[in-house]
């Protein structure tokens, strides 16, 4: 079955194409010629101090991705509520891509267009909250937006640093933005399977905690334990200050990326449903500057349900024992 599936895949140029639009720190101004100066893009990571002077600016949109309830109890002034669930797939695999029409509706209601500086704000309860913001940031980027940032530490750090919270719901004029996925920036199971089979796979980085990588744990929605063939483990938690919810200084982040082998060259970040993996992608791509890093959004949940090879997969007996233990946890 596996061989039949893999033989049916088209292996273009001998494996997974990792060509990406080269991102830079500048974006040409509308109508600009090559001889004209470029317009600087905003920093991908903002502190509360960075955010304060941006409040109220007409070309800035703060996306609060917390729940409706949390948003109603108090949010950064001017923030629009766009709960994380609107950027996630169905229950059987939340990592699957949301239909373009649904994302178009969400972004139009938020008044976002290509010139908007979008700042994604998460709760900040733990480092996993950052993964939600990173997944939204990635979704916006592969949909054609470039003026993007994440508030480091989220709403919690904003409030801790003296930032005010508001309960007023702002009114914004809908935009005419149309969301379209840039398929060149997205890794599918079919592409990845073809690359693995042809021995031309890029660096595969497993962003999950080590127990998932070693086959000792699995997500409820996953069908099997284990990881992608040839993958290396790099828990996304390593990028955060110990015991905190903010990323480590940029120099430390770049050093960690270099240690992982993902400082340059093709790489794919994955996890269970493309959530933790989005953190690794964000740091490797947006902070360390490796534009050849891609995200595998459907990740191990989708891969494990297909008849595709896995590494660190326990025996059937061991998997059964682990399932029984999980049932009583």
Protein backbone atom coordinates (compact mmCIF):
# COMPACT_ATOMS: atom_id res chain seq x y z
CA UNK A 1 0.00 0.00 0.00
CA UNK A 2 2.81 2.39 0.95
CA UNK A 3 4.78 1.73 -2.23
CA UNK A 4 1.65 2.17 -4.34
CA UNK A 5 0.92 5.51 -2.65
CA UNK A 6 4.44 6.77 -2.99
CA UNK A 7 4.79 5.68 -6.61
CA UNK A 8 1.66 7.66 -7.41
CA UNK A 9 3.20 10.83 -6.10
CA UNK A 10 4.86 13.18 -8.50
CA UNK A 11 8.42 13.78 -7.42
CA UNK A 12 9.29 17.03 -9.09
CA UNK A 13 13.00 17.63 -9.52
CA UNK A 14 13.78 14.59 -7.44
CA UNK A 15 11.99 15.56 -4.23
CA UNK A 16 10.27 18.21 -2.17
CA UNK A 17 10.51 21.64 -3.69
CA UNK A 18 11.53 24.11 -1.04
CA UNK A 19 11.64 27.23 -3.15
CA UNK A 20 10.36 30.18 -1.14
CA UNK A 21 9.94 33.83 -1.95
CA UNK A 22 13.03 35.40 -0.41
CA UNK A 23 11.85 37.54 2.45
CA UNK A 24 13.78 40.63 3.40
CA UNK A 25 13.66 43.38 5.96
CA UNK A 26 12.19 45.76 3.42
CA UNK A 27 9.14 45.89 1.21
CA UNK A 28 8.86 48.08 -1.92
CA UNK A 29 6.42 50.92 -1.46
CA UNK A 30 3.27 50.82 -3.62
CA UNK A 31 4.12 52.13 -7.07
CA UNK A 32 7.82 52.33 -6.30
CA UNK A 33 10.42 51.69 -8.97
CA UNK A 34 13.56 49.69 -8.37
CA UNK A 35 15.54 52.90 -7.99
CA UNK A 36 13.36 54.19 -5.15
CA UNK A 37 14.05 53.44 -1.48
CA UNK A 38 12.12 50.58 0.14
CA UNK A 39 9.76 50.78 3.10
CA UNK A 40 10.95 48.99 6.22
CA UNK A 41 8.80 46.16 7.51
CA UNK A 42 7.82 46.13 11.19
CA UNK A 43 9.75 43.97 13.61
CA UNK A 44 8.26 40.45 13.85
CA UNK A 45 8.44 40.54 17.66
CA UNK A 46 7.26 43.46 19.78
CA UNK A 47 7.52 44.21 23.48
CA UNK A 48 4.74 46.01 25.39
CA UNK A 49 6.86 49.17 25.20
CA UNK A 50 7.06 48.80 21.41
CA UNK A 51 3.29 48.41 21.16
CA UNK A 52 2.21 51.43 23.21
CA UNK A 53 3.03 54.13 20.63
CA UNK A 54 1.24 52.10 17.94
CA UNK A 55 -2.14 52.13 19.69
CA UNK A 56 -4.77 54.04 17.77
CA UNK A 57 -2.82 54.30 14.53
CA UNK A 58 -5.18 53.80 11.57
CA UNK A 59 -2.89 51.39 9.72
CA UNK A 60 -2.42 49.13 12.78
CA UNK A 61 -4.77 46.29 13.70
CA UNK A 62 -4.34 44.36 16.94
CA UNK A 63 -5.73 40.82 16.69
CA UNK A 64 -6.60 39.40 20.12
CA UNK A 65 -6.77 35.64 19.54
CA UNK A 66 -8.06 34.74 23.00
CA UNK A 67 -11.55 33.40 23.63
CA UNK A 68 -14.61 35.63 23.44
CA UNK A 69 -14.95 35.45 27.21
CA UNK A 70 -11.37 36.48 27.95
CA UNK A 71 -11.59 39.30 25.43
CA UNK A 72 -14.81 40.62 27.00
CA UNK A 73 -13.21 40.73 30.44
CA UNK A 74 -10.54 43.14 29.22
CA UNK A 75 -8.28 43.58 26.21
CA UNK A 76 -5.64 45.91 24.83
CA UNK A 77 -7.38 49.12 23.71
CA UNK A 78 -8.46 48.94 20.07
CA UNK A 79 -7.95 45.18 19.77
CA UNK A 80 -10.28 43.14 17.58
CA UNK A 81 -11.30 39.70 18.82
CA UNK A 82 -10.45 36.91 16.37
CA UNK A 83 -10.34 33.71 18.48
CA UNK A 84 -7.64 31.21 17.61
CA UNK A 85 -10.25 28.63 16.65
CA UNK A 86 -11.07 30.63 13.53
CA UNK A 87 -7.58 29.83 12.25
CA UNK A 88 -7.75 26.12 13.06
CA UNK A 89 -9.08 23.10 11.21
CA UNK A 90 -11.64 20.46 12.28
CA UNK A 91 -11.51 18.50 15.53
CA UNK A 92 -10.02 15.39 13.92
CA UNK A 93 -7.00 17.48 12.89
CA UNK A 94 -6.90 21.09 13.99
CA UNK A 95 -3.74 21.56 11.93
CA UNK A 96 -5.53 21.27 8.61
CA UNK A 97 -5.78 24.44 6.56
CA UNK A 98 -8.89 26.57 6.98
CA UNK A 99 -10.78 27.26 3.73
CA UNK A 100 -9.74 30.47 2.01
CA UNK A 101 -13.31 31.79 2.02
CA UNK A 102 -13.53 31.47 5.81
CA UNK A 103 -10.25 33.30 6.35
CA UNK A 104 -11.29 35.98 3.87
CA UNK A 105 -14.43 36.62 5.95
CA UNK A 106 -12.47 36.79 9.23
CA UNK A 107 -9.91 39.25 7.89
CA UNK A 108 -12.45 41.43 6.10
CA UNK A 109 -14.48 41.79 9.30
CA UNK A 110 -11.29 42.77 11.13
CA UNK A 111 -10.66 45.51 8.56
CA UNK A 112 -7.36 44.03 7.39
CA UNK A 113 -5.80 44.60 3.99
CA UNK A 114 -2.30 44.27 2.54
CA UNK A 115 -1.15 47.61 3.98
CA UNK A 116 -2.30 46.87 7.53
CA UNK A 117 0.28 46.26 10.24
CA UNK A 118 -1.25 43.27 12.03
CA UNK A 119 -0.11 42.60 15.60
CA UNK A 120 -1.13 39.19 16.93
CA UNK A 121 -1.78 39.09 20.68
CA UNK A 122 -2.14 35.86 22.67
CA UNK A 123 -3.05 35.29 26.31
CA UNK A 124 0.45 34.81 27.67
CA UNK A 125 -0.54 32.21 30.25
CA UNK A 126 2.29 29.88 29.18
CA UNK A 127 4.76 29.42 26.34
CA UNK A 128 2.26 27.30 24.40
CA UNK A 129 0.12 30.42 23.95
CA UNK A 130 2.91 31.82 21.81
CA UNK A 131 2.48 28.86 19.47
CA UNK A 132 -1.09 29.98 18.80
CA UNK A 133 0.09 33.46 17.88
CA UNK A 134 2.86 32.03 15.69
CA UNK A 135 0.37 29.82 13.83
CA UNK A 136 -1.88 32.84 13.16
CA UNK A 137 1.16 34.89 12.06
CA UNK A 138 2.18 32.08 9.67
CA UNK A 139 -1.37 31.81 8.33
CA UNK A 140 -1.45 35.53 7.60
CA UNK A 141 1.97 35.46 5.97
CA UNK A 142 1.22 32.58 3.62
CA UNK A 143 -2.00 34.40 2.74
CA UNK A 144 -0.17 37.40 1.34
CA UNK A 145 0.27 39.74 4.31
CA UNK A 146 3.75 41.01 5.16
CA UNK A 147 3.37 43.69 7.82
CA UNK A 148 3.14 41.32 10.77
CA UNK A 149 4.22 41.19 14.42
CA UNK A 150 3.59 39.17 17.59
CA UNK A 151 3.36 40.76 21.03
CA UNK A 152 5.90 38.85 23.13
CA UNK A 153 4.40 37.82 26.46
CA UNK A 154 0.87 38.52 25.22
CA UNK A 155 -1.89 40.23 27.16
CA UNK A 156 -0.55 39.03 30.50
CA UNK A 157 2.83 40.74 30.09
CA UNK A 158 1.14 43.84 28.67
CA UNK A 159 -0.86 44.18 31.87
CA UNK A 160 2.13 43.31 34.08
CA UNK A 161 4.12 46.10 32.44
CA UNK A 162 1.40 48.63 33.24
CA UNK A 163 -0.58 48.44 30.02
CA UNK A 164 -4.25 49.38 30.30
CA UNK A 165 -7.08 47.01 29.42
CA UNK A 166 -10.35 48.07 27.85
CA UNK A 167 -13.80 46.49 27.52
CA UNK A 168 -15.02 48.61 24.63
CA UNK A 169 -15.46 46.77 21.33
CA UNK A 170 -14.08 48.93 18.52
CA UNK A 171 -15.94 49.39 15.26
CA UNK A 172 -13.86 48.96 12.11
CA UNK A 173 -14.75 49.33 8.46
CA UNK A 174 -14.65 46.00 6.61
CA UNK A 175 -11.88 45.56 4.06
CA UNK A 176 -11.98 44.03 0.59
CA UNK A 177 -9.03 41.71 1.21
CA UNK A 178 -9.21 38.27 -0.38
CA UNK A 179 -7.23 35.49 1.25
CA UNK A 180 -5.27 33.13 -1.01
CA UNK A 181 -2.78 30.50 0.14
CA UNK A 182 0.69 30.66 -1.36
CA UNK A 183 1.15 26.93 -1.90
CA UNK A 184 4.91 27.35 -2.37
CA UNK A 185 5.22 28.12 1.34
CA UNK A 186 3.21 25.13 2.57
CA UNK A 187 4.33 21.51 2.96
CA UNK A 188 1.76 18.80 2.29
CA UNK A 189 1.87 15.15 3.37
CA UNK A 190 2.14 14.08 -0.27
CA UNK A 191 5.16 16.29 -0.94
CA UNK A 192 6.87 15.23 2.26
CA UNK A 193 6.21 11.53 1.64
CA UNK A 194 7.72 11.85 -1.83
CA UNK A 195 10.80 13.56 -0.44
CA UNK A 196 11.28 10.96 2.30
CA UNK A 197 10.89 8.10 -0.19
CA UNK A 198 13.41 9.65 -2.59
CA UNK A 199 15.93 10.29 0.20
CA UNK A 200 15.87 13.99 -0.61
CA UNK A 201 14.02 15.17 2.48
CA UNK A 202 15.01 18.52 3.99
CA UNK A 203 16.00 18.83 7.64
CA UNK A 204 12.94 17.65 9.59
CA UNK A 205 12.55 19.33 12.98
CA UNK A 206 10.12 17.85 15.53
CA UNK A 207 8.93 20.72 17.76
CA UNK A 208 7.11 18.48 20.26
CA UNK A 209 8.31 17.54 23.75
CA UNK A 210 10.77 14.64 23.65
CA UNK A 211 8.22 12.02 24.80
CA UNK A 212 6.32 12.47 21.55
CA UNK A 213 9.48 12.19 19.47
CA UNK A 214 10.58 8.99 21.19
CA UNK A 215 7.19 7.34 20.76
CA UNK A 216 6.19 7.41 24.42
CA UNK A 217 3.28 9.82 23.91
CA UNK A 218 0.87 10.81 21.16
CA UNK A 219 -1.85 13.36 20.59
CA UNK A 220 -5.41 12.07 21.03
CA UNK A 221 -6.14 12.71 17.36
CA UNK A 222 -3.02 10.86 16.16
CA UNK A 223 -3.33 7.25 15.04
CA UNK A 224 0.21 6.14 15.88
CA UNK A 225 3.15 6.94 18.12
CA UNK A 226 6.48 8.11 16.73
CA UNK A 227 7.96 10.76 14.47
CA UNK A 228 8.88 11.38 10.85
CA UNK A 229 11.69 9.25 9.39
CA UNK A 230 15.04 10.96 9.89
CA UNK A 231 13.62 13.77 12.03
CA UNK A 232 15.50 15.38 14.86
CA UNK A 233 13.96 16.49 18.13
CA UNK A 234 13.91 20.17 19.07
CA UNK A 235 11.30 20.97 21.71
CA UNK A 236 9.86 24.43 21.09
CA UNK A 237 10.10 25.18 24.82
CA UNK A 238 13.87 25.64 24.42
CA UNK A 239 13.28 29.02 22.82
CA UNK A 240 11.62 30.51 25.90
CA UNK A 241 13.04 32.00 29.05
CA UNK A 242 12.94 29.25 31.69
CA UNK A 243 9.68 29.39 33.60
CA UNK A 244 8.49 32.34 31.52
CA UNK A 245 6.34 33.05 28.51
CA UNK A 246 8.68 35.32 26.52
CA UNK A 247 11.28 34.34 23.98
CA UNK A 248 14.97 34.42 24.86
CA UNK A 249 17.12 37.28 23.52
CA UNK A 250 17.65 37.24 19.75
CA UNK A 251 21.31 36.26 20.01
CA UNK A 252 20.42 33.19 22.08
CA UNK A 253 17.61 32.28 19.70
CA UNK A 254 19.94 32.41 16.71
CA UNK A 255 22.49 30.30 18.55
CA UNK A 256 19.86 27.66 19.32
CA UNK A 257 18.74 27.64 15.69
CA UNK A 258 22.35 27.13 14.61
CA UNK A 259 22.66 24.22 17.05
CA UNK A 260 19.57 22.63 15.55
CA UNK A 261 21.12 22.80 12.08
CA UNK A 262 18.33 25.02 10.76
CA UNK A 263 20.25 28.28 10.45
CA UNK A 264 20.39 27.89 6.68
CA UNK A 265 19.10 25.56 4.01
CA UNK A 266 15.80 23.72 3.54
CA UNK A 267 14.02 22.64 6.73
CA UNK A 268 10.51 21.63 7.75
CA UNK A 269 9.06 22.27 11.20
CA UNK A 270 6.30 19.94 12.42
CA UNK A 271 4.56 18.80 15.60
CA UNK A 272 1.14 17.21 16.16
CA UNK A 273 -1.09 19.84 14.53
CA UNK A 274 1.22 22.65 13.44
CA UNK A 275 0.92 24.62 16.70
CA UNK A 276 4.23 24.09 18.54
CA UNK A 277 5.83 23.80 15.11
CA UNK A 278 4.75 27.35 14.31
CA UNK A 279 6.94 28.60 17.16
CA UNK A 280 9.97 26.82 15.73
CA UNK A 281 9.14 28.11 12.24
CA UNK A 282 8.76 31.67 13.57
CA UNK A 283 12.11 31.69 15.35
CA UNK A 284 13.99 29.95 12.54
CA UNK A 285 12.44 32.03 9.76
CA UNK A 286 11.49 35.41 11.21
CA UNK A 287 14.16 35.81 13.91
CA UNK A 288 17.10 33.76 12.59
CA UNK A 289 16.34 34.66 8.97
CA UNK A 290 16.30 31.23 7.33
CA UNK A 291 13.78 31.84 4.54
CA UNK A 292 14.03 28.19 3.44
CA UNK A 293 12.19 26.94 6.55
CA UNK A 294 8.64 25.74 5.95
CA UNK A 295 5.80 24.60 8.19
CA UNK A 296 4.03 21.26 7.80
CA UNK A 297 0.60 22.40 9.05
CA UNK A 298 -1.22 19.05 9.28
CA UNK A 299 1.83 17.47 10.94
CA UNK A 300 1.89 14.10 12.74
CA UNK A 301 -1.87 13.74 13.16
CA UNK A 302 -2.36 13.58 9.39
CA UNK A 303 0.85 11.64 8.73
CA UNK A 304 0.07 9.01 11.37
CA UNK A 305 -3.34 8.29 9.84
CA UNK A 306 -1.86 7.48 6.44
CA UNK A 307 0.08 4.33 5.59
CA UNK A 308 3.36 6.20 5.74
CA UNK A 309 6.61 5.19 7.46
CA UNK A 310 7.39 6.41 10.96
CA UNK A 311 10.43 6.42 13.20
CA UNK A 312 10.47 5.48 16.89
CA UNK A 313 7.17 3.68 16.49
CA UNK A 314 6.64 1.16 19.33
CA UNK A 315 5.48 -2.39 18.77
CA UNK A 316 1.75 -3.07 18.70
CA UNK A 317 1.88 -4.52 22.21
CA UNK A 318 3.79 -1.52 23.57
CA UNK A 319 1.42 0.88 21.82
CA UNK A 320 -1.56 -0.94 23.33
CA UNK A 321 -0.05 -0.69 26.82
CA UNK A 322 0.60 3.01 26.28
CA UNK A 323 -2.98 3.52 25.12
CA UNK A 324 -4.30 1.84 28.26
CA UNK A 325 -2.13 4.09 30.42
CA UNK A 326 -3.35 7.15 28.52
CA UNK A 327 -6.96 6.14 29.18
CA UNK A 328 -6.39 6.38 32.95
CA UNK A 329 -4.36 9.59 32.93
